[in-house]
């Protein structure tokens, strides 16, 4: 079992000992932690440079190569028996 999972189980066990008058306070604290976590996850991620150094820079005419491959695929699909 992972460390995080063990800690979550410990927290769940501790929840049963929280006094009733503190439940709302604890709920607000948890909501704040979750809100902060969501804001971190929502940061935009850039895909710029994702294809860098993958070999495409070695192709002289990339557009022509893509057109050729697209034509080959189209011809291959059209030749298949239905």
PDB file of N, CA and C in Angstrom:
ATOM      1  N   UNK A   1       0.848  -1.166   0.000  1.00  0.00           N
ATOM      2  CA  UNK A   1       0.000   0.000   0.000  1.00  0.00           C
ATOM      3  C   UNK A   1       0.902   1.241   0.000  1.00  0.00           C
ATOM      4  N   UNK A   2       0.519   2.254  -0.752  1.00  0.00           N
ATOM      5  CA  UNK A   2       1.358   3.446  -0.872  1.00  0.00           C
ATOM      6  C   UNK A   2       1.267   4.325   0.372  1.00  0.00           C
ATOM      7  N   UNK A   3       2.248   5.163   0.509  1.00  0.00           N
ATOM      8  CA  UNK A   3       2.315   6.089   1.638  1.00  0.00           C
ATOM      9  C   UNK A   3       1.080   6.986   1.670  1.00  0.00           C
ATOM     10  N   UNK A   4       0.697   7.522   0.508  1.00  0.00           N
ATOM     11  CA  UNK A   4      -0.465   8.413   0.437  1.00  0.00           C
ATOM     12  C   UNK A   4      -1.735   7.685   0.856  1.00  0.00           C
ATOM     13  N   UNK A   5      -1.894   6.452   0.442  1.00  0.00           N
ATOM     14  CA  UNK A   5      -3.087   5.682   0.783  1.00  0.00           C
ATOM     15  C   UNK A   5      -3.157   5.435   2.290  1.00  0.00           C
ATOM     16  N   UNK A   6      -2.027   5.134   2.909  1.00  0.00           N
ATOM     17  CA  UNK A   6      -1.982   4.923   4.361  1.00  0.00           C
ATOM     18  C   UNK A   6      -2.376   6.207   5.097  1.00  0.00           C
ATOM     19  N   UNK A   7      -1.853   7.336   4.626  1.00  0.00           N
ATOM     20  CA  UNK A   7      -2.177   8.620   5.254  1.00  0.00           C
ATOM     21  C   UNK A   7      -3.665   8.943   5.110  1.00  0.00           C
ATOM     22  N   UNK A   8      -4.257   8.629   3.977  1.00  0.00           N
ATOM     23  CA  UNK A   8      -5.688   8.877   3.779  1.00  0.00           C
ATOM     24  C   UNK A   8      -6.524   8.017   4.728  1.00  0.00           C
ATOM     25  N   UNK A   9      -6.125   6.783   4.919  1.00  0.00           N
ATOM     26  CA  UNK A   9      -6.840   5.894   5.844  1.00  0.00           C
ATOM     27  C   UNK A   9      -6.740   6.433   7.272  1.00  0.00           C
ATOM     28  N   UNK A  10      -5.545   6.915   7.647  1.00  0.00           N
ATOM     29  CA  UNK A  10      -5.365   7.500   8.975  1.00  0.00           C
ATOM     30  C   UNK A  10      -6.275   8.714   9.159  1.00  0.00           C
ATOM     31  N   UNK A  11      -6.372   9.552   8.127  1.00  0.00           N
ATOM     32  CA  UNK A  11      -7.251  10.729   8.211  1.00  0.00           C
ATOM     33  C   UNK A  11      -8.717  10.325   8.375  1.00  0.00           C
ATOM     34  N   UNK A  12      -9.130   9.329   7.638  1.00  0.00           N
ATOM     35  CA  UNK A  12     -10.516   8.858   7.739  1.00  0.00           C
ATOM     36  C   UNK A  12     -10.798   8.354   9.153  1.00  0.00           C
ATOM     37  N   UNK A  13      -9.855   7.642   9.737  1.00  0.00           N
ATOM     38  CA  UNK A  13     -10.031   7.141  11.103  1.00  0.00           C
ATOM     39  C   UNK A  13     -10.115   8.299  12.100  1.00  0.00           C
ATOM     40  N   UNK A  14      -9.307   9.328  11.912  1.00  0.00           N
ATOM     41  CA  UNK A  14      -9.312  10.480  12.809  1.00  0.00           C
ATOM     42  C   UNK A  14     -10.616  11.276  12.715  1.00  0.00           C
ATOM     43  N   UNK A  15     -11.277  11.236  11.553  1.00  0.00           N
ATOM     44  CA  UNK A  15     -12.525  11.984  11.374  1.00  0.00           C
ATOM     45  C   UNK A  15     -13.595  11.571  12.378  1.00  0.00           C
ATOM     46  N   UNK A  16     -13.590  10.324  12.789  1.00  0.00           N
ATOM     47  CA  UNK A  16     -14.611   9.866  13.727  1.00  0.00           C
ATOM     48  C   UNK A  16     -14.424  10.477  15.121  1.00  0.00           C
ATOM     49  N   UNK A  17     -13.257  11.056  15.392  1.00  0.00           N
ATOM     50  CA  UNK A  17     -12.982  11.655  16.697  1.00  0.00           C
ATOM     51  C   UNK A  17     -13.167  13.174  16.712  1.00  0.00           C
ATOM     52  N   UNK A  18     -13.518  13.746  15.574  1.00  0.00           N
ATOM     53  CA  UNK A  18     -13.715  15.197  15.499  1.00  0.00           C
ATOM     54  C   UNK A  18     -15.000  15.575  16.234  1.00  0.00           C
ATOM     55  N   UNK A  19     -14.933  16.574  17.132  1.00  0.00           N
ATOM     56  CA  UNK A  19     -16.148  17.016  17.814  1.00  0.00           C
ATOM     57  C   UNK A  19     -17.145  17.616  16.809  1.00  0.00           C
ATOM     58  N   UNK A  20     -18.418  17.443  17.073  1.00  0.00           N
ATOM     59  CA  UNK A  20     -19.467  17.912  16.165  1.00  0.00           C
ATOM     60  C   UNK A  20     -19.349  19.401  15.853  1.00  0.00           C
ATOM     61  N   UNK A  21     -18.964  20.205  16.829  1.00  0.00           N
ATOM     62  CA  UNK A  21     -18.899  21.646  16.611  1.00  0.00           C
ATOM     63  C   UNK A  21     -17.718  22.052  15.723  1.00  0.00           C
ATOM     64  N   UNK A  22     -16.805  21.160  15.442  1.00  0.00           N
ATOM     65  CA  UNK A  22     -15.639  21.460  14.602  1.00  0.00           C
ATOM     66  C   UNK A  22     -15.773  20.917  13.183  1.00  0.00           C
ATOM     67  N   UNK A  23     -16.841  20.206  12.902  1.00  0.00           N
ATOM     68  CA  UNK A  23     -17.000  19.585  11.580  1.00  0.00           C
ATOM     69  C   UNK A  23     -17.085  20.637  10.477  1.00  0.00           C
ATOM     70  N   UNK A  24     -17.859  21.711  10.694  1.00  0.00           N
ATOM     71  CA  UNK A  24     -17.960  22.765   9.681  1.00  0.00           C
ATOM     72  C   UNK A  24     -16.619  23.436   9.428  1.00  0.00           C
ATOM     73  N   UNK A  25     -15.866  23.671  10.479  1.00  0.00           N
ATOM     74  CA  UNK A  25     -14.538  24.278  10.349  1.00  0.00           C
ATOM     75  C   UNK A  25     -13.608  23.383   9.537  1.00  0.00           C
ATOM     76  N   UNK A  26     -13.621  22.100   9.831  1.00  0.00           N
ATOM     77  CA  UNK A  26     -12.804  21.142   9.101  1.00  0.00           C
ATOM     78  C   UNK A  26     -13.227  21.065   7.630  1.00  0.00           C
ATOM     79  N   UNK A  27     -14.524  21.105   7.408  1.00  0.00           N
ATOM     80  CA  UNK A  27     -15.042  21.056   6.036  1.00  0.00           C
ATOM     81  C   UNK A  27     -14.538  22.259   5.227  1.00  0.00           C
ATOM     82  N   UNK A  28     -14.513  23.446   5.835  1.00  0.00           N
ATOM     83  CA  UNK A  28     -14.005  24.639   5.145  1.00  0.00           C
ATOM     84  C   UNK A  28     -12.524  24.496   4.816  1.00  0.00           C
ATOM     85  N   UNK A  29     -11.767  23.951   5.748  1.00  0.00           N
ATOM     86  CA  UNK A  29     -10.326  23.747   5.518  1.00  0.00           C
ATOM     87  C   UNK A  29     -10.113  22.786   4.348  1.00  0.00           C
ATOM     88  N   UNK A  30     -10.858  21.699   4.327  1.00  0.00           N
ATOM     89  CA  UNK A  30     -10.729  20.719   3.240  1.00  0.00           C
ATOM     90  C   UNK A  30     -11.138  21.345   1.911  1.00  0.00           C
ATOM     91  N   UNK A  31     -12.219  22.127   1.913  1.00  0.00           N
ATOM     92  CA  UNK A  31     -12.649  22.804   0.683  1.00  0.00           C
ATOM     93  C   UNK A  31     -11.559  23.732   0.156  1.00  0.00           C
ATOM     94  N   UNK A  32     -10.890  24.462   1.050  1.00  0.00           N
ATOM     95  CA  UNK A  32      -9.805  25.361   0.629  1.00  0.00           C
ATOM     96  C   UNK A  32      -8.639  24.587   0.022  1.00  0.00           C
ATOM     97  N   UNK A  33      -8.296  23.475   0.632  1.00  0.00           N
ATOM     98  CA  UNK A  33      -7.202  22.646   0.102  1.00  0.00           C
ATOM     99  C   UNK A  33      -7.563  22.119  -1.281  1.00  0.00           C
ATOM    100  N   UNK A  34      -8.791  21.653  -1.455  1.00  0.00           N
ATOM    101  CA  UNK A  34      -9.229  21.139  -2.757  1.00  0.00           C
ATOM    102  C   UNK A  34      -9.258  22.241  -3.806  1.00  0.00           C
ATOM    103  N   UNK A  35      -9.692  23.434  -3.415  1.00  0.00           N
ATOM    104  CA  UNK A  35      -9.740  24.557  -4.354  1.00  0.00           C
ATOM    105  C   UNK A  35      -8.337  24.904  -4.835  1.00  0.00           C
ATOM    106  N   UNK A  36      -7.368  24.950  -3.904  1.00  0.00           N
ATOM    107  CA  UNK A  36      -5.982  25.227  -4.274  1.00  0.00           C
ATOM    108  C   UNK A  36      -5.436  24.155  -5.206  1.00  0.00           C
ATOM    109  N   UNK A  37      -5.769  22.912  -4.948  1.00  0.00           N
ATOM    110  CA  UNK A  37      -5.310  21.806  -5.788  1.00  0.00           C
ATOM    111  C   UNK A  37      -5.881  21.915  -7.193  1.00  0.00           C
ATOM    112  N   UNK A  38      -7.149  22.282  -7.311  1.00  0.00           N
ATOM    113  CA  UNK A  38      -7.781  22.430  -8.622  1.00  0.00           C
ATOM    114  C   UNK A  38      -7.139  23.555  -9.410  1.00  0.00           C
ATOM    115  N   UNK A  39      -6.791  24.663  -8.741  1.00  0.00           N
ATOM    116  CA  UNK A  39      -6.160  25.788  -9.422  1.00  0.00           C
ATOM    117  C   UNK A  39      -4.802  25.398  -9.973  1.00  0.00           C
ATOM    118  N   UNK A  40      -4.070  24.581  -9.252  1.00  0.00           N
ATOM    119  CA  UNK A  40      -2.762  24.116  -9.725  1.00  0.00           C
ATOM    120  C   UNK A  40      -2.938  23.247 -10.964  1.00  0.00           C
ATOM    121  N   UNK A  41      -3.946  22.373 -10.956  1.00  0.00           N
ATOM    122  CA  UNK A  41      -4.174  21.458 -12.074  1.00  0.00           C
ATOM    123  C   UNK A  41      -4.709  22.168 -13.312  1.00  0.00           C
ATOM    124  N   UNK A  42      -5.366  23.319 -13.144  1.00  0.00           N
ATOM    125  CA  UNK A  42      -5.983  24.011 -14.267  1.00  0.00           C
ATOM    126  C   UNK A  42      -5.023  24.896 -15.046  1.00  0.00           C
ATOM    127  N   UNK A  43      -3.767  24.974 -14.620  1.00  0.00           N
ATOM    128  CA  UNK A  43      -2.813  25.802 -15.338  1.00  0.00           C
ATOM    129  C   UNK A  43      -2.653  25.259 -16.756  1.00  0.00           C
ATOM    130  N   UNK A  44      -2.692  26.156 -17.766  1.00  0.00           N
ATOM    131  CA  UNK A  44      -2.560  25.703 -19.148  1.00  0.00           C
ATOM    132  C   UNK A  44      -1.191  25.077 -19.414  1.00  0.00           C
ATOM    133  N   UNK A  45      -1.210  24.063 -20.246  1.00  0.00           N
ATOM    134  CA  UNK A  45       0.018  23.363 -20.602  1.00  0.00           C
ATOM    135  C   UNK A  45       0.292  23.613 -22.082  1.00  0.00           C
ATOM    136  N   UNK A  46       1.493  24.026 -22.393  1.00  0.00           N
ATOM    137  CA  UNK A  46       1.868  24.302 -23.771  1.00  0.00           C
ATOM    138  C   UNK A  46       2.419  23.036 -24.426  1.00  0.00           C
ATOM    139  N   UNK A  47       2.012  22.816 -25.659  1.00  0.00           N
ATOM    140  CA  UNK A  47       2.530  21.684 -26.427  1.00  0.00           C
ATOM    141  C   UNK A  47       3.646  22.119 -27.382  1.00  0.00           C
ATOM    142  N   UNK A  48       4.069  23.375 -27.227  1.00  0.00           N
ATOM    143  CA  UNK A  48       5.121  23.908 -28.080  1.00  0.00           C
ATOM    144  C   UNK A  48       6.388  23.068 -27.932  1.00  0.00           C
ATOM    145  N   UNK A  49       6.943  22.673 -29.045  1.00  0.00           N
ATOM    146  CA  UNK A  49       8.179  21.912 -29.047  1.00  0.00           C
ATOM    147  C   UNK A  49       8.011  20.419 -28.830  1.00  0.00           C
ATOM    148  N   UNK A  50       6.768  19.939 -28.836  1.00  0.00           N
ATOM    149  CA  UNK A  50       6.526  18.528 -28.549  1.00  0.00           C
ATOM    150  C   UNK A  50       7.161  17.613 -29.605  1.00  0.00           C
ATOM    151  N   UNK A  51       7.270  18.091 -30.839  1.00  0.00           N
ATOM    152  CA  UNK A  51       7.825  17.257 -31.912  1.00  0.00           C
ATOM    153  C   UNK A  51       9.300  17.566 -32.181  1.00  0.00           C
ATOM    154  N   UNK A  52       9.905  18.414 -31.359  1.00  0.00           N
ATOM    155  CA  UNK A  52      11.306  18.782 -31.554  1.00  0.00           C
ATOM    156  C   UNK A  52      12.200  17.559 -31.348  1.00  0.00           C
ATOM    157  N   UNK A  53      13.177  17.415 -32.230  1.00  0.00           N
ATOM    158  CA  UNK A  53      14.163  16.325 -32.184  1.00  0.00           C
ATOM    159  C   UNK A  53      13.529  14.940 -32.316  1.00  0.00           C
ATOM    160  N   UNK A  54      12.450  14.846 -33.083  1.00  0.00           N
ATOM    161  CA  UNK A  54      11.803  13.559 -33.320  1.00  0.00           C
ATOM    162  C   UNK A  54      12.098  13.041 -34.734  1.00  0.00           C
ATOM    163  N   UNK A  55      12.908  13.777 -35.483  1.00  0.00           N
ATOM    164  CA  UNK A  55      13.294  13.329 -36.811  1.00  0.00           C
ATOM    165  C   UNK A  55      12.627  14.094 -37.945  1.00  0.00           C
ATOM    166  N   UNK A  56      11.598  14.854 -37.639  1.00  0.00           N
ATOM    167  CA  UNK A  56      10.895  15.605 -38.684  1.00  0.00           C
ATOM    168  C   UNK A  56      11.768  16.708 -39.282  1.00  0.00           C
ATOM    169  N   UNK A  57      12.725  17.211 -38.505  1.00  0.00           N
ATOM    170  CA  UNK A  57      13.598  18.269 -39.010  1.00  0.00           C
ATOM    171  C   UNK A  57      14.527  17.757 -40.110  1.00  0.00           C
ATOM    172  N   UNK A  58      14.659  16.433 -40.240  1.00  0.00           N
ATOM    173  CA  UNK A  58      15.512  15.844 -41.278  1.00  0.00           C
ATOM    174  C   UNK A  58      14.794  15.758 -42.627  1.00  0.00           C
ATOM    175  N   UNK A  59      13.466  15.930 -42.627  1.00  0.00           N
ATOM    176  CA  UNK A  59      12.691  15.855 -43.871  1.00  0.00           C
ATOM    177  C   UNK A  59      12.753  17.218 -44.550  1.00  0.00           C
ATOM    178  N   UNK A  60      13.230  17.220 -45.815  1.00  0.00           N
ATOM    179  CA  UNK A  60      13.402  18.478 -46.545  1.00  0.00           C
ATOM    180  C   UNK A  60      12.079  19.173 -46.819  1.00  0.00           C
ATOM    181  N   UNK A  61      11.114  18.435 -47.379  1.00  0.00           N
ATOM    182  CA  UNK A  61       9.826  19.027 -47.719  1.00  0.00           C
ATOM    183  C   UNK A  61       8.740  18.275 -46.963  1.00  0.00           C
ATOM    184  N   UNK A  62       8.468  18.700 -45.766  1.00  0.00           N
ATOM    185  CA  UNK A  62       7.531  18.009 -44.880  1.00  0.00           C
ATOM    186  C   UNK A  62       6.119  18.004 -45.445  1.00  0.00           C
ATOM    187  N   UNK A  63       5.686  19.137 -46.008  1.00  0.00           N
ATOM    188  CA  UNK A  63       4.322  19.209 -46.559  1.00  0.00           C
ATOM    189  C   UNK A  63       4.131  18.214 -47.705  1.00  0.00           C
ATOM    190  N   UNK A  64       5.105  18.117 -48.585  1.00  0.00           N
ATOM    191  CA  UNK A  64       5.017  17.171 -49.701  1.00  0.00           C
ATOM    192  C   UNK A  64       5.004  15.737 -49.178  1.00  0.00           C
ATOM    193  N   UNK A  65       5.810  15.461 -48.182  1.00  0.00           N
ATOM    194  CA  UNK A  65       5.862  14.125 -47.580  1.00  0.00           C
ATOM    195  C   UNK A  65       4.514  13.756 -46.964  1.00  0.00           C
ATOM    196  N   UNK A  66       3.889  14.706 -46.259  1.00  0.00           N
ATOM    197  CA  UNK A  66       2.574  14.463 -45.663  1.00  0.00           C
ATOM    198  C   UNK A  66       1.511  14.219 -46.729  1.00  0.00           C
ATOM    199  N   UNK A  67       1.545  14.986 -47.805  1.00  0.00           N
ATOM    200  CA  UNK A  67       0.585  14.787 -48.901  1.00  0.00           C
ATOM    201  C   UNK A  67       0.746  13.406 -49.525  1.00  0.00           C
ATOM    202  N   UNK A  68       1.993  12.982 -49.694  1.00  0.00           N
ATOM    203  CA  UNK A  68       2.271  11.668 -50.275  1.00  0.00           C
ATOM    204  C   UNK A  68       1.736  10.547 -49.373  1.00  0.00           C
ATOM    205  N   UNK A  69       1.994  10.667 -48.101  1.00  0.00           N
ATOM    206  CA  UNK A  69       1.523   9.652 -47.152  1.00  0.00           C
ATOM    207  C   UNK A  69       0.000   9.625 -47.106  1.00  0.00           C
ATOM    208  N   UNK A  70      -0.621  10.795 -47.129  1.00  0.00           N
ATOM    209  CA  UNK A  70      -2.084  10.863 -47.123  1.00  0.00           C
ATOM    210  C   UNK A  70      -2.659  10.191 -48.360  1.00  0.00           C
ATOM    211  N   UNK A  71      -2.045  10.419 -49.500  1.00  0.00           N
ATOM    212  CA  UNK A  71      -2.510   9.797 -50.753  1.00  0.00           C
ATOM    213  C   UNK A  71      -2.355   8.287 -50.673  1.00  0.00           C
ATOM    214  N   UNK A  72      -1.221   7.805 -50.158  1.00  0.00           N
ATOM    215  CA  UNK A  72      -0.995   6.371 -50.026  1.00  0.00           C
ATOM    216  C   UNK A  72      -2.045   5.729 -49.113  1.00  0.00           C
ATOM    217  N   UNK A  73      -2.363   6.387 -48.020  1.00  0.00           N
ATOM    218  CA  UNK A  73      -3.378   5.866 -47.099  1.00  0.00           C
ATOM    219  C   UNK A  73      -4.758   5.834 -47.750  1.00  0.00           C
ATOM    220  N   UNK A  74      -5.076   6.907 -48.462  1.00  0.00           N
ATOM    221  CA  UNK A  74      -6.375   6.962 -49.147  1.00  0.00           C
ATOM    222  C   UNK A  74      -6.480   5.837 -50.168  1.00  0.00           C
ATOM    223  N   UNK A  75      -5.437   5.658 -50.970  1.00  0.00           N
ATOM    224  CA  UNK A  75      -5.442   4.594 -51.981  1.00  0.00           C
ATOM    225  C   UNK A  75      -5.558   3.219 -51.316  1.00  0.00           C
ATOM    226  N   UNK A  76      -4.879   3.021 -50.204  1.00  0.00           N
ATOM    227  CA  UNK A  76      -4.912   1.749 -49.501  1.00  0.00           C
ATOM    228  C   UNK A  76      -6.307   1.452 -48.977  1.00  0.00           C
ATOM    229  N   UNK A  77      -6.977   2.458 -48.435  1.00  0.00           N
ATOM    230  CA  UNK A  77      -8.330   2.266 -47.898  1.00  0.00           C
ATOM    231  C   UNK A  77      -9.314   1.991 -49.031  1.00  0.00           C
ATOM    232  N   UNK A  78      -9.168   2.688 -50.128  1.00  0.00           N
ATOM    233  CA  UNK A  78     -10.080   2.507 -51.260  1.00  0.00           C
ATOM    234  C   UNK A  78      -9.905   1.147 -51.933  1.00  0.00           C
ATOM    235  N   UNK A  79      -8.729   0.559 -51.861  1.00  0.00           N
ATOM    236  CA  UNK A  79      -8.476  -0.738 -52.480  1.00  0.00           C
ATOM    237  C   UNK A  79      -9.016  -1.894 -51.676  1.00  0.00           C
ATOM    238  N   UNK A  80      -9.310  -1.679 -50.396  1.00  0.00           N
ATOM    239  CA  UNK A  80      -9.816  -2.765 -49.549  1.00  0.00           C
ATOM    240  C   UNK A  80     -11.205  -3.185 -49.986  1.00  0.00           C
ATOM    241  N   UNK A  81     -11.455  -4.509 -49.915  1.00  0.00           N
ATOM    242  CA  UNK A  81     -12.789  -5.035 -50.229  1.00  0.00           C
ATOM    243  C   UNK A  81     -13.713  -4.792 -49.033  1.00  0.00           C
ATOM    244  N   UNK A  82     -14.908  -4.419 -49.373  1.00  0.00           N
ATOM    245  CA  UNK A  82     -15.889  -4.142 -48.307  1.00  0.00           C
ATOM    246  C   UNK A  82     -16.761  -5.342 -48.078  1.00  0.00           C
TER     247      UNK A  82
END
